[in-house]
Amino acid sequence: MSDPALNKTVSRQAGLAFYDHAMNLLEELKTTQSEVIQKAAELCAERIASGGLVFLFGNGHSRMMCEEMTPRQGGFPGFVALVETALSNHAAIIGTNGLRSSLYLENYEGYAEHILSSFHFGRHDAFIVISTSGIRPVVVEMAMGARSRGLPVIAIVSKAHSEVAQAVHSSGKKLVHCADLVIDNLCPPGDCVLKLEGLEWNTGPVSTITGAMIINMIRCGAAEALLAKGMKPVILPSHQFLGNTSAAEQLDAFYEAYRQSLKHLFE
C-alpha cells in the first residue's frame, strides 16, 4: 500500500515545481517580450482612438484569452472577443458539443472566412489572434483574412512550439507568417512544463498564465496610451458593488459606449 503522507509530499512538491516554472516564465516574459507587447498596446490604442475595433480570436482554450480582455472588470470598449462557440465550447468532452468536433472544425479550411464575412470591418480595425501552436487552419486563415482586409494582425503564439510543428494549412503557412507583430507566450512544445515520474505525458499547462499576463499588459498599456492621446476609456466596473449607485451608472455608461463602438460593423 502507498503511504498517504508520502503522496501528500509528492503532490506538494509537484505543485510548487509548477509554480516555479510559471513564475520563471513570467519573469522571462517581462525581460524578453515587454517591448513587443508595448508596441501591440500602442497599435491597439491608435486603432481605438481612430474609431476602430481590436478583435481577439482564439479557438479551443485560447478563447479564454479573448474573454480575459473583454468583457472583464477593468476592460473598456474598443476590444471585441470574436468567439466562435463551435470551436471552443467543448466542456462536454464527449457527445454533442464535445471535444472531437471542435478539434475537427479548427482544421477545416474555409471556416474562418465564413466567420469574417459576417462583419463589415472598418479601415481602423485590427486583430489579435491567439494560438499556442499557431498551426491550425482556422487561426492561420483568420490572420490571413484580416490582413487581406487591410487590418494589422498581432499574434500571441509559442514560438518554440510553432518552430517544431509542421504546418497544417495547405499554404504551408503558420500564424507567425501572417502577423505584423508576434508575441511569444514562451510555452514549450505541448504547453505543459511538468514531467512526473510514472506519466508518459507532461502536465501543468502554462499558456493560460502567460497568455493572461500578455493580455492584461496590452490592456493596461493601451489604456495608458489612450489617456496620453486625451481619450479617456470607459472602464467596465465590478458589478459586485451591490447598492453602489456610482458603479451602476458606470456599468450603464460602459454598455452604451460599447454599443456605440460597434456601429460600423453592421452599417
C-alpha atoms as a PDB file:
ATOM      1  CA  MET A   1       0.000   0.000   0.000  1.00  0.00           C
ATOM      2  CA  SER A   2       1.140   3.534  -0.724  1.00  0.00           C
ATOM      3  CA  ASP A   3       1.969   5.882   2.127  1.00  0.00           C
ATOM      4  CA  PRO A   4      -0.647   8.728   2.220  1.00  0.00           C
ATOM      5  CA  ALA A   5       1.848  11.081   3.845  1.00  0.00           C
ATOM      6  CA  LEU A   6       4.346  10.408   1.063  1.00  0.00           C
ATOM      7  CA  ASN A   7       1.665  11.043  -1.576  1.00  0.00           C
ATOM      8  CA  LYS A   8       0.870  14.395   0.013  1.00  0.00           C
ATOM      9  CA  THR A   9       4.552  15.345  -0.082  1.00  0.00           C
ATOM     10  CA  VAL A  10       4.881  14.401  -3.744  1.00  0.00           C
ATOM     11  CA  SER A  11       1.736  16.353  -4.606  1.00  0.00           C
ATOM     12  CA  ARG A  12       3.007  19.414  -2.751  1.00  0.00           C
ATOM     13  CA  GLN A  13       6.383  19.215  -4.474  1.00  0.00           C
ATOM     14  CA  ALA A  14       4.717  18.948  -7.873  1.00  0.00           C
ATOM     15  CA  GLY A  15       2.519  21.938  -7.185  1.00  0.00           C
ATOM     16  CA  LEU A  16       5.467  24.049  -6.095  1.00  0.00           C
ATOM     17  CA  ALA A  17       7.504  22.895  -9.072  1.00  0.00           C
ATOM     18  CA  PHE A  18       4.746  24.073 -11.393  1.00  0.00           C
ATOM     19  CA  TYR A  19       4.580  27.379  -9.532  1.00  0.00           C
ATOM     20  CA  ASP A  20       8.320  27.868 -10.002  1.00  0.00           C
ATOM     21  CA  HIS A  21       8.086  27.055 -13.726  1.00  0.00           C
ATOM     22  CA  ALA A  22       5.243  29.522 -14.189  1.00  0.00           C
ATOM     23  CA  MET A  23       6.927  32.310 -12.242  1.00  0.00           C
ATOM     24  CA  ASN A  24      10.172  31.838 -14.178  1.00  0.00           C
ATOM     25  CA  LEU A  25       8.260  32.131 -17.438  1.00  0.00           C
ATOM     26  CA  LEU A  26       6.542  35.314 -16.282  1.00  0.00           C
ATOM     27  CA  GLU A  27       9.917  36.819 -15.397  1.00  0.00           C
ATOM     28  CA  GLU A  28      11.278  35.793 -18.798  1.00  0.00           C
ATOM     29  CA  LEU A  29       8.183  37.283 -20.420  1.00  0.00           C
ATOM     30  CA  LYS A  30       8.912  40.609 -18.735  1.00  0.00           C
ATOM     31  CA  THR A  31      12.528  40.506 -19.897  1.00  0.00           C
ATOM     32  CA  THR A  32      12.052  39.359 -23.485  1.00  0.00           C
ATOM     33  CA  GLN A  33       8.551  40.373 -24.580  1.00  0.00           C
ATOM     34  CA  SER A  34       7.866  43.743 -22.936  1.00  0.00           C
ATOM     35  CA  GLU A  35       8.966  45.736 -25.979  1.00  0.00           C
ATOM     36  CA  VAL A  36       6.744  43.943 -28.483  1.00  0.00           C
ATOM     37  CA  ILE A  37       3.843  43.910 -26.005  1.00  0.00           C
ATOM     38  CA  GLN A  38       4.168  47.682 -25.681  1.00  0.00           C
ATOM     39  CA  LYS A  39       4.129  48.012 -29.477  1.00  0.00           C
ATOM     40  CA  ALA A  40       0.963  45.920 -29.546  1.00  0.00           C
ATOM     41  CA  ALA A  41      -0.622  48.116 -26.858  1.00  0.00           C
ATOM     42  CA  GLU A  42       0.224  51.273 -28.788  1.00  0.00           C
ATOM     43  CA  LEU A  43      -1.167  49.793 -32.000  1.00  0.00           C
ATOM     44  CA  CYS A  44      -4.414  48.929 -30.196  1.00  0.00           C
ATOM     45  CA  ALA A  45      -4.651  52.429 -28.734  1.00  0.00           C
ATOM     46  CA  GLU A  46      -4.018  54.047 -32.108  1.00  0.00           C
ATOM     47  CA  ARG A  47      -6.762  51.958 -33.709  1.00  0.00           C
ATOM     48  CA  ILE A  48      -9.275  52.541 -30.930  1.00  0.00           C
ATOM     49  CA  ALA A  49      -8.554  56.268 -30.850  1.00  0.00           C
ATOM     50  CA  SER A  50      -9.298  56.371 -34.599  1.00  0.00           C
ATOM     51  CA  GLY A  51     -12.715  54.780 -34.063  1.00  0.00           C
ATOM     52  CA  GLY A  52     -11.589  51.261 -34.830  1.00  0.00           C
ATOM     53  CA  LEU A  53     -12.000  47.967 -33.012  1.00  0.00           C
ATOM     54  CA  VAL A  54      -9.447  45.368 -31.986  1.00  0.00           C
ATOM     55  CA  PHE A  55     -10.830  41.867 -32.429  1.00  0.00           C
ATOM     56  CA  LEU A  56      -9.487  38.921 -30.473  1.00  0.00           C
ATOM     57  CA  PHE A  57      -9.810  35.425 -31.857  1.00  0.00           C
ATOM     58  CA  GLY A  58      -8.713  32.094 -30.481  1.00  0.00           C
ATOM     59  CA  ASN A  59     -10.146  28.602 -30.698  1.00  0.00           C
ATOM     60  CA  GLY A  60     -10.060  25.939 -28.033  1.00  0.00           C
ATOM     61  CA  HIS A  61      -8.701  27.170 -24.722  1.00  0.00           C
ATOM     62  CA  SER A  62      -7.240  30.243 -26.415  1.00  0.00           C
ATOM     63  CA  ARG A  63     -10.787  31.563 -26.251  1.00  0.00           C
ATOM     64  CA  MET A  64     -10.094  32.261 -22.588  1.00  0.00           C
ATOM     65  CA  MET A  65      -7.594  34.945 -23.569  1.00  0.00           C
ATOM     66  CA  CYS A  66     -10.232  36.681 -25.694  1.00  0.00           C
ATOM     67  CA  GLU A  67     -12.630  36.887 -22.776  1.00  0.00           C
ATOM     68  CA  GLU A  68      -9.815  37.891 -20.438  1.00  0.00           C
ATOM     69  CA  MET A  69      -9.695  41.097 -22.456  1.00  0.00           C
ATOM     70  CA  THR A  70     -13.441  41.650 -22.659  1.00  0.00           C
ATOM     71  CA  PRO A  71     -15.948  41.558 -21.031  1.00  0.00           C
ATOM     72  CA  ARG A  72     -13.742  41.858 -17.945  1.00  0.00           C
ATOM     73  CA  GLN A  73     -13.632  44.191 -14.983  1.00  0.00           C
ATOM     74  CA  GLY A  74     -11.156  46.899 -15.867  1.00  0.00           C
ATOM     75  CA  GLY A  75     -11.815  46.426 -19.577  1.00  0.00           C
ATOM     76  CA  PHE A  76     -13.089  49.104 -21.929  1.00  0.00           C
ATOM     77  CA  PRO A  77     -14.764  49.450 -25.344  1.00  0.00           C
ATOM     78  CA  GLY A  78     -12.582  49.040 -28.389  1.00  0.00           C
ATOM     79  CA  PHE A  79     -11.826  45.361 -27.880  1.00  0.00           C
ATOM     80  CA  VAL A  80     -14.182  42.671 -29.193  1.00  0.00           C
ATOM     81  CA  ALA A  81     -13.966  38.985 -28.284  1.00  0.00           C
ATOM     82  CA  LEU A  82     -14.744  37.214 -31.543  1.00  0.00           C
ATOM     83  CA  VAL A  83     -15.678  33.847 -30.072  1.00  0.00           C
ATOM     84  CA  GLU A  84     -16.994  31.078 -32.303  1.00  0.00           C
ATOM     85  CA  THR A  85     -18.828  28.788 -29.923  1.00  0.00           C
ATOM     86  CA  ALA A  86     -18.457  25.667 -32.065  1.00  0.00           C
ATOM     87  CA  LEU A  87     -14.680  25.968 -31.800  1.00  0.00           C
ATOM     88  CA  SER A  88     -14.414  26.485 -28.081  1.00  0.00           C
ATOM     89  CA  ASN A  89     -17.489  25.248 -26.220  1.00  0.00           C
ATOM     90  CA  HIS A  90     -16.195  21.724 -25.684  1.00  0.00           C
ATOM     91  CA  ALA A  91     -16.582  21.258 -21.929  1.00  0.00           C
ATOM     92  CA  ALA A  92     -18.866  18.252 -22.524  1.00  0.00           C
ATOM     93  CA  ILE A  93     -15.772  16.493 -23.986  1.00  0.00           C
ATOM     94  CA  ILE A  94     -17.826  13.638 -25.472  1.00  0.00           C
ATOM     95  CA  GLY A  95     -21.192  13.620 -27.193  1.00  0.00           C
ATOM     96  CA  THR A  96     -22.734  16.711 -28.759  1.00  0.00           C
ATOM     97  CA  ASN A  97     -20.677  19.901 -28.452  1.00  0.00           C
ATOM     98  CA  GLY A  98     -17.742  17.749 -27.454  1.00  0.00           C
ATOM     99  CA  LEU A  99     -14.015  17.950 -27.997  1.00  0.00           C
ATOM    100  CA  ARG A 100     -13.793  15.796 -31.125  1.00  0.00           C
ATOM    101  CA  SER A 101     -15.973  18.090 -33.234  1.00  0.00           C
ATOM    102  CA  SER A 102     -14.213  21.307 -32.224  1.00  0.00           C
ATOM    103  CA  LEU A 103     -10.801  19.755 -32.897  1.00  0.00           C
ATOM    104  CA  TYR A 104     -12.058  18.743 -36.336  1.00  0.00           C
ATOM    105  CA  LEU A 105     -13.505  22.161 -37.159  1.00  0.00           C
ATOM    106  CA  GLU A 106     -10.306  24.038 -36.324  1.00  0.00           C
ATOM    107  CA  ASN A 107      -8.626  22.095 -39.126  1.00  0.00           C
ATOM    108  CA  TYR A 108     -11.383  22.834 -41.660  1.00  0.00           C
ATOM    109  CA  GLU A 109     -10.123  25.227 -44.314  1.00  0.00           C
ATOM    110  CA  GLY A 110     -12.535  27.997 -45.265  1.00  0.00           C
ATOM    111  CA  TYR A 111     -14.271  28.173 -41.895  1.00  0.00           C
ATOM    112  CA  ALA A 112     -12.533  31.379 -40.789  1.00  0.00           C
ATOM    113  CA  GLU A 113     -13.613  33.239 -43.912  1.00  0.00           C
ATOM    114  CA  HIS A 114     -17.250  32.410 -43.200  1.00  0.00           C
ATOM    115  CA  ILE A 115     -16.855  33.937 -39.736  1.00  0.00           C
ATOM    116  CA  LEU A 116     -15.185  37.064 -41.119  1.00  0.00           C
ATOM    117  CA  SER A 117     -17.801  37.519 -43.832  1.00  0.00           C
ATOM    118  CA  SER A 118     -20.423  38.227 -41.168  1.00  0.00           C
ATOM    119  CA  PHE A 119     -18.892  41.643 -40.397  1.00  0.00           C
ATOM    120  CA  HIS A 120     -18.213  44.911 -42.172  1.00  0.00           C
ATOM    121  CA  PHE A 121     -14.741  45.673 -40.861  1.00  0.00           C
ATOM    122  CA  GLY A 122     -13.537  49.262 -40.814  1.00  0.00           C
ATOM    123  CA  ARG A 123     -10.191  50.542 -42.052  1.00  0.00           C
ATOM    124  CA  HIS A 124      -9.069  51.286 -38.482  1.00  0.00           C
ATOM    125  CA  ASP A 125      -9.815  47.824 -37.085  1.00  0.00           C
ATOM    126  CA  ALA A 126      -7.149  45.317 -36.045  1.00  0.00           C
ATOM    127  CA  PHE A 127      -6.867  41.702 -34.909  1.00  0.00           C
ATOM    128  CA  ILE A 128      -5.214  39.792 -32.105  1.00  0.00           C
ATOM    129  CA  VAL A 129      -5.065  36.075 -32.927  1.00  0.00           C
ATOM    130  CA  ILE A 130      -4.141  33.711 -30.102  1.00  0.00           C
ATOM    131  CA  SER A 131      -2.883  30.167 -30.615  1.00  0.00           C
ATOM    132  CA  THR A 132      -0.132  28.389 -28.717  1.00  0.00           C
ATOM    133  CA  SER A 133       0.727  26.091 -31.632  1.00  0.00           C
ATOM    134  CA  GLY A 134      -0.066  28.630 -34.343  1.00  0.00           C
ATOM    135  CA  ILE A 135      -0.569  25.957 -36.986  1.00  0.00           C
ATOM    136  CA  ARG A 136      -4.291  25.203 -37.201  1.00  0.00           C
ATOM    137  CA  PRO A 137      -6.001  26.336 -40.428  1.00  0.00           C
ATOM    138  CA  VAL A 138      -8.685  28.359 -38.645  1.00  0.00           C
ATOM    139  CA  VAL A 139      -6.175  30.646 -36.887  1.00  0.00           C
ATOM    140  CA  VAL A 140      -3.944  30.898 -39.950  1.00  0.00           C
ATOM    141  CA  GLU A 141      -6.893  31.819 -42.153  1.00  0.00           C
ATOM    142  CA  MET A 142      -8.262  34.248 -39.562  1.00  0.00           C
ATOM    143  CA  ALA A 143      -4.971  36.140 -39.701  1.00  0.00           C
ATOM    144  CA  MET A 144      -4.789  35.882 -43.489  1.00  0.00           C
ATOM    145  CA  GLY A 145      -8.376  37.093 -43.821  1.00  0.00           C
ATOM    146  CA  ALA A 146      -7.774  40.057 -41.539  1.00  0.00           C
ATOM    147  CA  ARG A 147      -4.668  41.096 -43.457  1.00  0.00           C
ATOM    148  CA  SER A 148      -6.416  40.731 -46.817  1.00  0.00           C
ATOM    149  CA  ARG A 149      -8.890  43.311 -45.498  1.00  0.00           C
ATOM    150  CA  GLY A 150      -6.037  45.667 -44.666  1.00  0.00           C
ATOM    151  CA  LEU A 151      -6.090  45.054 -40.916  1.00  0.00           C
ATOM    152  CA  PRO A 152      -2.893  44.593 -38.904  1.00  0.00           C
ATOM    153  CA  VAL A 153      -2.550  41.321 -37.003  1.00  0.00           C
ATOM    154  CA  ILE A 154      -0.961  40.736 -33.608  1.00  0.00           C
ATOM    155  CA  ALA A 155      -0.199  37.067 -32.938  1.00  0.00           C
ATOM    156  CA  ILE A 156       0.199  35.545 -29.490  1.00  0.00           C
ATOM    157  CA  VAL A 157       1.891  32.200 -30.026  1.00  0.00           C
ATOM    158  CA  SER A 158       4.515  29.835 -28.676  1.00  0.00           C
ATOM    159  CA  LYS A 159       7.491  30.300 -30.975  1.00  0.00           C
ATOM    160  CA  ALA A 160       9.076  27.127 -29.602  1.00  0.00           C
ATOM    161  CA  HIS A 161       6.020  25.053 -30.494  1.00  0.00           C
ATOM    162  CA  SER A 162       5.466  26.730 -33.843  1.00  0.00           C
ATOM    163  CA  GLU A 163       9.064  26.165 -34.909  1.00  0.00           C
ATOM    164  CA  VAL A 164       8.999  22.408 -34.347  1.00  0.00           C
ATOM    165  CA  ALA A 165       5.413  21.803 -35.522  1.00  0.00           C
ATOM    166  CA  GLN A 166       4.538  21.024 -39.118  1.00  0.00           C
ATOM    167  CA  ALA A 167       2.196  23.468 -40.848  1.00  0.00           C
ATOM    168  CA  VAL A 168      -1.314  22.092 -41.294  1.00  0.00           C
ATOM    169  CA  HIS A 169      -2.735  24.691 -43.687  1.00  0.00           C
ATOM    170  CA  SER A 170      -2.421  23.810 -47.376  1.00  0.00           C
ATOM    171  CA  SER A 171      -0.460  27.038 -47.996  1.00  0.00           C
ATOM    172  CA  GLY A 172       2.300  25.811 -45.717  1.00  0.00           C
ATOM    173  CA  LYS A 173       1.911  28.942 -43.608  1.00  0.00           C
ATOM    174  CA  LYS A 174       1.713  29.222 -39.856  1.00  0.00           C
ATOM    175  CA  LEU A 175       0.301  32.046 -37.752  1.00  0.00           C
ATOM    176  CA  VAL A 176       3.758  33.598 -37.344  1.00  0.00           C
ATOM    177  CA  HIS A 177       3.907  34.041 -41.132  1.00  0.00           C
ATOM    178  CA  CYS A 178       0.645  36.012 -41.172  1.00  0.00           C
ATOM    179  CA  ALA A 179       1.195  38.543 -38.398  1.00  0.00           C
ATOM    180  CA  ASP A 180       2.604  42.052 -38.198  1.00  0.00           C
ATOM    181  CA  LEU A 181       3.627  41.637 -34.565  1.00  0.00           C
ATOM    182  CA  VAL A 182       4.414  38.309 -32.883  1.00  0.00           C
ATOM    183  CA  ILE A 183       4.323  37.971 -29.091  1.00  0.00           C
ATOM    184  CA  ASP A 184       5.881  34.792 -27.737  1.00  0.00           C
ATOM    185  CA  ASN A 185       3.951  33.269 -24.830  1.00  0.00           C
ATOM    186  CA  LEU A 186       7.134  31.260 -24.082  1.00  0.00           C
ATOM    187  CA  CYS A 187       5.324  27.959 -23.651  1.00  0.00           C
ATOM    188  CA  PRO A 188       7.285  24.810 -24.502  1.00  0.00           C
ATOM    189  CA  PRO A 189       6.083  22.500 -27.282  1.00  0.00           C
ATOM    190  CA  GLY A 190       2.946  20.863 -25.947  1.00  0.00           C
ATOM    191  CA  ASP A 191       2.342  23.698 -23.441  1.00  0.00           C
ATOM    192  CA  CYS A 192       2.879  21.569 -20.317  1.00  0.00           C
ATOM    193  CA  VAL A 193       6.015  22.130 -18.230  1.00  0.00           C
ATOM    194  CA  LEU A 194       5.975  19.414 -15.584  1.00  0.00           C
ATOM    195  CA  LYS A 195       7.374  15.911 -16.056  1.00  0.00           C
ATOM    196  CA  LEU A 196       6.296  13.472 -13.380  1.00  0.00           C
ATOM    197  CA  GLU A 197       7.749  10.026 -12.948  1.00  0.00           C
ATOM    198  CA  GLY A 198       5.174   7.464 -13.996  1.00  0.00           C
ATOM    199  CA  LEU A 199       3.494   9.686 -16.609  1.00  0.00           C
ATOM    200  CA  GLU A 200       4.326   9.499 -20.306  1.00  0.00           C
ATOM    201  CA  TRP A 201       2.981  12.974 -20.992  1.00  0.00           C
ATOM    202  CA  ASN A 202       3.755  16.211 -19.201  1.00  0.00           C
ATOM    203  CA  THR A 203       1.179  18.074 -17.140  1.00  0.00           C
ATOM    204  CA  GLY A 204       0.979  21.681 -15.967  1.00  0.00           C
ATOM    205  CA  PRO A 205      -0.052  23.809 -18.982  1.00  0.00           C
ATOM    206  CA  VAL A 206       1.179  27.394 -18.749  1.00  0.00           C
ATOM    207  CA  SER A 207      -0.274  29.141 -21.814  1.00  0.00           C
ATOM    208  CA  THR A 208      -3.230  30.460 -19.806  1.00  0.00           C
ATOM    209  CA  ILE A 209      -0.889  32.037 -17.254  1.00  0.00           C
ATOM    210  CA  THR A 210       1.488  33.717 -19.683  1.00  0.00           C
ATOM    211  CA  GLY A 211      -1.360  34.463 -22.094  1.00  0.00           C
ATOM    212  CA  ALA A 212      -3.429  36.241 -19.448  1.00  0.00           C
ATOM    213  CA  MET A 213      -0.396  38.280 -18.433  1.00  0.00           C
ATOM    214  CA  ILE A 214       0.158  39.335 -22.052  1.00  0.00           C
ATOM    215  CA  ILE A 215      -3.492  40.293 -22.486  1.00  0.00           C
ATOM    216  CA  ASN A 216      -3.520  42.411 -19.343  1.00  0.00           C
ATOM    217  CA  MET A 217      -0.223  44.093 -20.231  1.00  0.00           C
ATOM    218  CA  ILE A 218      -1.723  45.026 -23.610  1.00  0.00           C
ATOM    219  CA  ARG A 219      -4.912  46.288 -21.943  1.00  0.00           C
ATOM    220  CA  CYS A 220      -3.084  48.428 -19.386  1.00  0.00           C
ATOM    221  CA  GLY A 221      -0.634  49.741 -21.966  1.00  0.00           C
ATOM    222  CA  ALA A 222      -3.455  50.626 -24.341  1.00  0.00           C
ATOM    223  CA  ALA A 223      -5.345  52.459 -21.578  1.00  0.00           C
ATOM    224  CA  GLU A 224      -2.254  54.494 -20.758  1.00  0.00           C
ATOM    225  CA  ALA A 225      -1.673  55.300 -24.438  1.00  0.00           C
ATOM    226  CA  LEU A 226      -5.296  56.367 -24.898  1.00  0.00           C
ATOM    227  CA  LEU A 227      -5.065  58.710 -21.930  1.00  0.00           C
ATOM    228  CA  ALA A 228      -1.912  60.198 -23.428  1.00  0.00           C
ATOM    229  CA  LYS A 229      -3.964  60.908 -26.560  1.00  0.00           C
ATOM    230  CA  GLY A 230      -6.579  62.709 -24.478  1.00  0.00           C
ATOM    231  CA  MET A 231      -9.107  59.878 -24.779  1.00  0.00           C
ATOM    232  CA  LYS A 232     -10.487  58.510 -21.504  1.00  0.00           C
ATOM    233  CA  PRO A 233     -11.532  54.835 -21.751  1.00  0.00           C
ATOM    234  CA  VAL A 234     -14.942  53.943 -20.312  1.00  0.00           C
ATOM    235  CA  ILE A 235     -13.991  51.253 -17.811  1.00  0.00           C
ATOM    236  CA  LEU A 236     -16.206  48.260 -17.020  1.00  0.00           C
ATOM    237  CA  PRO A 237     -16.534  48.332 -13.206  1.00  0.00           C
ATOM    238  CA  SER A 238     -17.098  45.386 -10.945  1.00  0.00           C
ATOM    239  CA  HIS A 239     -20.800  44.583 -10.817  1.00  0.00           C
ATOM    240  CA  GLN A 240     -20.332  43.123  -7.337  1.00  0.00           C
ATOM    241  CA  PHE A 241     -20.627  46.532  -5.661  1.00  0.00           C
ATOM    242  CA  LEU A 242     -24.279  45.984  -4.836  1.00  0.00           C
ATOM    243  CA  GLY A 243     -26.125  49.158  -3.973  1.00  0.00           C
ATOM    244  CA  ASN A 244     -23.306  51.348  -5.268  1.00  0.00           C
ATOM    245  CA  THR A 245     -25.039  53.946  -7.443  1.00  0.00           C
ATOM    246  CA  SER A 246     -21.766  55.108  -8.937  1.00  0.00           C
ATOM    247  CA  ALA A 247     -20.847  51.594 -10.083  1.00  0.00           C
ATOM    248  CA  ALA A 248     -24.324  51.063 -11.583  1.00  0.00           C
ATOM    249  CA  GLU A 249     -24.070  54.308 -13.522  1.00  0.00           C
ATOM    250  CA  GLN A 250     -20.601  53.387 -14.762  1.00  0.00           C
ATOM    251  CA  LEU A 251     -21.881  49.991 -15.909  1.00  0.00           C
ATOM    252  CA  ASP A 252     -24.620  51.683 -17.930  1.00  0.00           C
ATOM    253  CA  ALA A 253     -22.045  54.051 -19.397  1.00  0.00           C
ATOM    254  CA  PHE A 254     -19.883  51.095 -20.409  1.00  0.00           C
ATOM    255  CA  TYR A 255     -22.791  49.329 -22.127  1.00  0.00           C
ATOM    256  CA  GLU A 256     -23.636  52.440 -24.124  1.00  0.00           C
ATOM    257  CA  ALA A 257     -20.018  53.148 -25.061  1.00  0.00           C
ATOM    258  CA  TYR A 258     -19.570  49.538 -26.163  1.00  0.00           C
ATOM    259  CA  ARG A 259     -22.753  49.671 -28.256  1.00  0.00           C
ATOM    260  CA  GLN A 260     -21.584  52.856 -29.944  1.00  0.00           C
ATOM    261  CA  SER A 261     -18.176  51.333 -30.682  1.00  0.00           C
ATOM    262  CA  LEU A 262     -19.750  48.536 -32.754  1.00  0.00           C
ATOM    263  CA  LYS A 263     -21.765  50.718 -35.121  1.00  0.00           C
ATOM    264  CA  HIS A 264     -19.601  50.419 -38.196  1.00  0.00           C
ATOM    265  CA  LEU A 265     -19.671  46.611 -38.133  1.00  0.00           C
ATOM    266  CA  PHE A 266     -23.325  46.417 -39.083  1.00  0.00           C
ATOM    267  CA  GLU A 267     -23.796  49.509 -41.260  1.00  0.00           C
END
